[in-house]
Amino acid sequence: AVHDLDPARSRAVVAELGGQVAPSYDAMLADPAIDAVAIATYDDQHAVQVLAAFAAGKHVFCEKPLCRTLDELRAISAARGDRHLACNLILRASPLYRWLRDAIRAGELGELYAVDGDYLYGRLDKITEGWRVGVDDYSVIQGGGVHLVDLVMWLIGERPHRVHAIGNRIVTRDSAFRYSDYVAATYEMPTGVVARITANFGCVHKHQHVLRVFGTKATFIHDDAGARLHELRDPGGPPRVLDHAPVAATKGDLIPAFVDGILDHADPAPVARHEFDVITACMAADRALAAHEPLAIEYPGD
């Protein structure tokens, strides 16, 4: 079943994929034939819709961000029970980053000491004219930078314990957008790894994710020049060019694993824990930005 605020879009999806149009979200939740819901609504609606789904006994696949406040996160954690929960942080499905994760685990980069991730949004009109303009406390870290926060935590298998963040709204200061359109967050990991994440919504650039991973044996870089692995400090030594696809085949590539987890009765706790940790790290960056000082990150449930 499909429900959208725009009935025409619901009908178009059903015409393409099959199923039926649901008269409301509540009607979907009341349908005993539906075991799981996918939520792709505006950011400030996610938490209430996730909570409603759990109250109805449904599993949840949610677009980012999962929620926007610690109170919402605590409520979701308490309400989840044994339901499966996952967020569509699609960079995990990229063949390039799956290769990189394996390479890191195999020690090809040596001991990691720094990671840089830049979320180059490149679609300024979406924050100056779209629905984001009307969302109170809209966060570019939660709305975009979360992809890089998630990617770094997933790649290196650590969660940060401290964060400092600064930002500005120089690009959008003459627009209706009210919040920082650029935020830079520096995360400290327990092992000493430093991760620098930027959410750059006002940039003059195509939409792109840039990643640099620095190890004692090699440096991985992916930007608009492609992906490569530098294995020599010799300035004349060419890097190894990597031809793995940097993006997933479709934006739904994480859904099969989510469904398989339900059907196979897998333990839902590890995936949910990761989702909680990622959004907690993003919220901490927003609090550090507001406080103008570094903050320790406390994870609910620890």
Protein backbone atom coordinates (compact mmCIF):
# COMPACT_ATOMS: atom_id res chain seq x y z
CA ALA A 1 0.00 0.00 0.00
CA VAL A 2 1.11 3.57 -0.69
CA HIS A 3 0.12 6.86 0.88
CA ASP A 4 1.45 10.28 -0.13
CA LEU A 5 0.36 13.82 0.67
CA ASP A 6 -0.11 14.18 -3.08
CA PRO A 7 -2.72 11.59 -4.18
CA ALA A 8 -1.49 11.79 -7.76
CA ARG A 9 1.93 10.56 -6.67
CA SER A 10 0.37 7.65 -4.80
CA ARG A 11 -1.54 6.65 -7.91
CA ALA A 12 1.59 6.95 -10.06
CA VAL A 13 3.59 4.68 -7.74
CA VAL A 14 0.82 2.08 -7.67
CA ALA A 15 0.54 2.21 -11.46
CA GLU A 16 4.26 1.54 -11.75
CA LEU A 17 4.82 -0.97 -8.96
CA GLY A 18 1.41 -2.40 -8.12
CA GLY A 19 -0.38 -2.53 -4.79
CA GLN A 20 -3.07 -0.11 -3.72
CA VAL A 21 -3.46 3.48 -2.57
CA ALA A 22 -4.06 3.79 1.17
CA PRO A 23 -6.45 6.57 2.24
CA SER A 24 -4.14 7.58 5.10
CA TYR A 25 -1.03 6.59 7.03
CA ASP A 26 -3.22 5.50 9.92
CA ALA A 27 -5.11 3.20 7.57
CA MET A 28 -1.83 1.57 6.56
CA LEU A 29 -0.87 1.04 10.18
CA ALA A 30 -4.27 -0.50 10.93
CA ASP A 31 -3.93 -3.04 8.10
CA PRO A 32 -2.94 -6.43 9.58
CA ALA A 33 -1.58 -7.53 6.20
CA ILE A 34 1.17 -4.90 6.43
CA ASP A 35 4.21 -5.97 8.47
CA ALA A 36 6.60 -3.10 7.70
CA VAL A 37 6.46 0.53 6.55
CA ALA A 38 8.93 2.72 4.69
CA ILE A 39 8.85 6.37 5.74
CA ALA A 40 10.04 9.03 3.28
CA THR A 41 8.37 12.18 4.57
CA TYR A 42 9.66 15.57 5.69
CA ASP A 43 12.34 15.43 8.38
CA ASP A 44 10.20 16.83 11.18
CA GLN A 45 7.54 14.15 10.64
CA HIS A 46 9.78 11.10 10.97
CA ALA A 47 9.75 10.63 14.73
CA VAL A 48 5.98 10.76 15.20
CA GLN A 49 5.47 8.40 12.25
CA VAL A 50 8.10 5.95 13.49
CA LEU A 51 6.50 5.93 16.93
CA ALA A 52 3.06 5.34 15.43
CA ALA A 53 4.40 2.43 13.40
CA PHE A 54 5.96 0.78 16.44
CA ALA A 55 2.73 1.29 18.39
CA ALA A 56 0.99 -0.61 15.58
CA GLY A 57 3.55 -3.42 15.71
CA LYS A 58 5.22 -2.61 12.38
CA HIS A 59 8.86 -2.81 11.39
CA VAL A 60 10.28 0.51 10.10
CA PHE A 61 12.59 1.50 7.25
CA CYS A 62 13.04 5.26 7.54
CA GLU A 63 14.71 7.95 5.47
CA LYS A 64 17.29 10.06 7.28
CA PRO A 65 17.23 11.58 9.77
CA LEU A 66 15.58 9.03 12.03
CA CYS A 67 14.57 11.84 14.40
CA ARG A 68 15.72 15.31 15.39
CA THR A 69 15.94 15.50 19.19
CA LEU A 70 17.21 13.37 22.05
CA ASP A 71 13.69 13.18 23.50
CA GLU A 72 12.45 11.74 20.20
CA LEU A 73 15.33 9.29 20.12
CA ARG A 74 14.68 8.08 23.65
CA ALA A 75 11.00 7.60 22.84
CA ILE A 76 11.81 5.61 19.69
CA SER A 77 14.32 3.44 21.55
CA ALA A 78 11.78 2.70 24.28
CA ALA A 79 8.98 1.95 21.80
CA ARG A 80 10.91 -0.27 19.37
CA GLY A 81 10.57 -3.52 21.29
CA ASP A 82 11.59 -6.39 19.01
CA ARG A 83 10.77 -4.53 15.80
CA HIS A 84 13.37 -4.06 13.07
CA LEU A 85 14.53 -0.51 12.38
CA ALA A 86 16.85 0.76 9.66
CA CYS A 87 17.59 4.08 7.96
CA ASN A 88 18.29 4.57 4.27
CA LEU A 89 21.87 5.77 4.62
CA ILE A 90 22.64 4.56 1.16
CA LEU A 91 26.41 5.12 1.00
CA ARG A 92 26.78 1.80 2.84
CA ALA A 93 25.51 0.11 -0.33
CA SER A 94 28.16 1.69 -2.58
CA PRO A 95 30.49 -0.92 -4.13
CA LEU A 96 33.39 1.52 -3.68
CA TYR A 97 32.82 1.98 0.03
CA ARG A 98 32.18 -1.71 0.59
CA TRP A 99 35.57 -2.36 -1.03
CA LEU A 100 37.12 0.35 1.16
CA ARG A 101 35.67 -1.15 4.34
CA ASP A 102 37.14 -4.54 3.43
CA ALA A 103 40.50 -2.90 2.63
CA ILE A 104 40.56 -1.10 5.98
CA ARG A 105 39.75 -4.33 7.83
CA ALA A 106 42.45 -6.18 5.89
CA GLY A 107 45.02 -3.57 6.95
CA GLU A 108 45.74 -2.26 3.45
CA LEU A 109 45.73 1.34 4.71
CA GLY A 110 47.65 0.52 7.87
CA GLU A 111 46.58 2.20 11.10
CA LEU A 112 44.02 4.92 10.45
CA TYR A 113 44.58 8.34 11.98
CA ALA A 114 42.24 10.70 10.11
CA VAL A 115 39.13 10.73 7.93
CA ASP A 116 37.66 13.73 6.07
CA GLY A 117 34.15 13.66 4.62
CA ASP A 118 32.50 16.50 2.70
CA TYR A 119 28.80 16.51 1.85
CA LEU A 120 28.61 18.89 -1.11
CA TYR A 121 24.90 19.49 -1.50
CA GLY A 122 24.97 21.68 -4.62
CA ARG A 123 21.18 22.20 -4.64
CA LEU A 124 20.76 25.57 -2.97
CA ASP A 125 17.15 26.09 -4.05
CA LYS A 126 16.05 23.13 -1.93
CA ILE A 127 16.84 25.02 1.27
CA THR A 128 15.94 28.53 0.11
CA GLU A 129 12.64 27.68 -1.59
CA GLY A 130 11.61 24.11 -0.69
CA TRP A 131 9.93 22.60 2.35
CA ARG A 132 13.10 22.88 4.45
CA VAL A 133 12.56 26.65 4.73
CA GLY A 134 9.55 26.08 6.97
CA VAL A 135 11.12 23.47 9.28
CA ASP A 136 12.09 24.89 12.66
CA ASP A 137 15.70 24.15 13.65
CA TYR A 138 16.51 22.54 10.32
CA SER A 139 19.95 20.93 10.54
CA VAL A 140 22.24 20.44 7.56
CA ILE A 141 24.20 17.88 9.59
CA GLN A 142 21.10 15.80 10.24
CA GLY A 143 19.65 16.43 6.78
CA GLY A 144 22.80 15.76 4.76
CA GLY A 145 26.01 15.44 6.75
CA VAL A 146 24.49 12.37 8.41
CA HIS A 147 25.47 10.39 5.30
CA LEU A 148 29.16 11.06 5.96
CA VAL A 149 28.85 10.62 9.73
CA ASP A 150 27.25 7.22 9.12
CA LEU A 151 29.79 6.27 6.47
CA VAL A 152 32.77 7.06 8.68
CA MET A 153 31.35 5.21 11.69
CA TRP A 154 30.47 2.22 9.50
CA LEU A 155 33.86 2.16 7.77
CA ILE A 156 36.06 2.33 10.84
CA GLY A 157 33.78 0.60 13.34
CA GLU A 158 33.99 3.33 15.96
CA ARG A 159 31.65 5.90 17.39
CA PRO A 160 32.99 9.33 18.37
CA HIS A 161 33.18 10.42 21.99
CA ARG A 162 33.74 14.15 21.53
CA VAL A 163 32.79 16.79 18.93
CA HIS A 164 33.41 20.42 18.10
CA ALA A 165 31.44 22.23 15.39
CA ILE A 166 31.38 25.64 13.73
CA GLY A 167 29.25 26.98 10.89
CA ASN A 168 27.76 29.95 9.09
CA ARG A 169 24.94 31.03 6.79
CA ILE A 170 26.81 33.40 4.53
CA VAL A 171 25.39 31.90 1.35
CA THR A 172 21.75 32.03 2.46
CA ARG A 173 21.77 35.14 4.67
CA ASP A 174 19.54 37.07 2.24
CA SER A 175 17.09 34.19 1.85
CA ALA A 176 14.22 32.82 3.93
CA PHE A 177 16.42 29.99 5.22
CA ARG A 178 17.15 30.70 8.90
CA TYR A 179 19.93 28.32 9.92
CA SER A 180 23.54 27.47 9.12
CA ASP A 181 23.95 26.30 5.54
CA TYR A 182 27.56 25.27 6.24
CA VAL A 183 28.66 23.27 9.27
CA ALA A 184 32.06 21.69 9.96
CA ALA A 185 32.19 19.10 12.74
CA THR A 186 35.38 17.56 14.10
CA TYR A 187 34.86 14.23 15.85
CA GLU A 188 37.33 12.50 18.16
CA MET A 189 37.30 8.69 18.24
CA PRO A 190 38.35 6.55 21.23
CA THR A 191 41.39 5.25 19.28
CA GLY A 192 42.54 8.79 18.52
CA VAL A 193 41.27 8.89 14.94
CA VAL A 194 40.07 12.39 13.99
CA ALA A 195 37.08 12.63 11.64
CA ARG A 196 36.24 15.98 10.04
CA ILE A 197 32.76 16.16 8.48
CA THR A 198 31.32 19.12 6.58
CA ALA A 199 27.74 19.69 5.47
CA ASN A 200 28.09 22.26 2.70
CA PHE A 201 24.62 23.07 1.40
CA GLY A 202 25.48 26.41 -0.20
CA CYS A 203 28.39 25.30 -2.36
CA VAL A 204 28.74 26.02 -6.06
CA HIS A 205 29.36 22.42 -7.03
CA LYS A 206 27.52 19.37 -8.26
CA HIS A 207 25.96 17.13 -5.62
CA GLN A 208 28.76 14.90 -4.39
CA HIS A 209 30.24 13.07 -1.41
CA VAL A 210 33.98 13.55 -0.97
CA LEU A 211 35.95 11.19 1.26
CA ARG A 212 39.59 11.02 2.30
CA VAL A 213 40.87 8.25 4.57
CA PHE A 214 44.43 8.53 5.89
CA GLY A 215 46.37 5.54 7.18
CA THR A 216 49.99 4.81 7.97
CA LYS A 217 50.33 2.70 4.80
CA ALA A 218 48.02 4.35 2.27
CA THR A 219 45.61 7.21 1.61
CA PHE A 220 42.20 6.75 -0.01
CA ILE A 221 40.62 9.69 -1.85
CA HIS A 222 37.33 9.94 -3.68
CA ASP A 223 36.28 13.27 -5.20
CA ASP A 224 35.26 14.64 -8.60
CA ALA A 225 38.52 13.29 -10.05
CA GLY A 226 37.47 9.76 -9.14
CA ALA A 227 38.64 7.24 -6.57
CA ARG A 228 42.26 6.31 -6.01
CA LEU A 229 44.57 4.82 -3.43
CA HIS A 230 47.93 6.48 -2.79
CA GLU A 231 50.43 3.89 -1.61
CA LEU A 232 53.68 5.86 -2.08
CA ARG A 233 54.99 9.10 -0.58
CA ASP A 234 57.11 9.61 -3.69
CA PRO A 235 55.61 12.64 -5.50
CA GLY A 236 56.24 10.89 -8.80
CA GLY A 237 54.47 7.69 -7.81
CA PRO A 238 51.02 7.36 -9.43
CA PRO A 239 48.10 6.27 -7.26
CA ARG A 240 46.15 3.09 -7.86
CA VAL A 241 42.96 4.06 -9.71
CA LEU A 242 39.86 2.37 -8.32
CA ASP A 243 36.97 1.59 -10.68
CA HIS A 244 34.35 0.46 -8.16
CA ALA A 245 31.03 2.30 -8.50
CA PRO A 246 30.83 5.16 -5.96
CA VAL A 247 27.04 5.05 -5.70
CA ALA A 248 24.56 2.24 -5.17
CA ALA A 249 22.68 0.90 -8.18
CA THR A 250 19.40 2.24 -6.76
CA LYS A 251 18.33 4.23 -3.70
CA GLY A 252 16.55 1.11 -2.46
CA ASP A 253 19.59 -1.16 -2.32
CA LEU A 254 19.48 -1.41 1.48
CA ILE A 255 15.86 -2.59 1.55
CA PRO A 256 16.50 -6.28 0.68
CA ALA A 257 18.79 -6.72 3.70
CA PHE A 258 16.17 -5.04 5.91
CA VAL A 259 13.45 -7.40 4.65
CA ASP A 260 15.73 -10.44 4.92
CA GLY A 261 16.42 -9.55 8.54
CA ILE A 262 12.70 -9.65 9.27
CA LEU A 263 12.07 -12.90 7.38
CA ASP A 264 15.13 -14.62 8.86
CA HIS A 265 14.22 -13.53 12.41
CA ALA A 266 17.62 -11.89 12.79
CA ASP A 267 18.41 -9.97 15.96
CA PRO A 268 17.29 -6.39 15.20
CA ALA A 269 19.29 -4.82 18.03
CA PRO A 270 22.71 -4.30 16.33
CA VAL A 271 21.28 -2.44 13.33
CA ALA A 272 19.00 -0.32 15.51
CA ARG A 273 21.91 0.45 17.84
CA HIS A 274 23.99 1.74 14.93
CA GLU A 275 21.13 3.95 13.72
CA PHE A 276 20.73 5.37 17.23
CA ASP A 277 24.46 6.02 17.53
CA VAL A 278 24.67 7.81 14.17
CA ILE A 279 21.84 10.24 14.87
CA THR A 280 23.18 10.81 18.40
CA ALA A 281 26.53 11.87 16.92
CA CYS A 282 24.75 14.26 14.55
CA MET A 283 22.67 15.77 17.34
CA ALA A 284 25.83 16.24 19.39
CA ALA A 285 27.39 18.24 16.54
CA ASP A 286 24.33 20.51 16.48
CA ARG A 287 24.56 21.04 20.23
CA ALA A 288 28.28 21.81 19.98
CA LEU A 289 27.52 24.30 17.21
CA ALA A 290 24.98 26.07 19.41
CA ALA A 291 27.23 25.97 22.48
CA HIS A 292 30.34 27.26 20.65
CA GLU A 293 32.48 24.72 22.47
CA PRO A 294 33.53 21.06 22.26
CA LEU A 295 31.15 18.59 23.86
CA ALA A 296 31.40 15.01 25.08
CA ILE A 297 28.95 12.70 23.32
CA GLU A 298 26.66 10.64 25.53
CA TYR A 299 24.79 7.77 23.89
CA PRO A 300 21.31 6.94 25.20
CA GLY A 301 21.13 3.36 26.36
CA ASP A 302 24.76 3.05 27.43
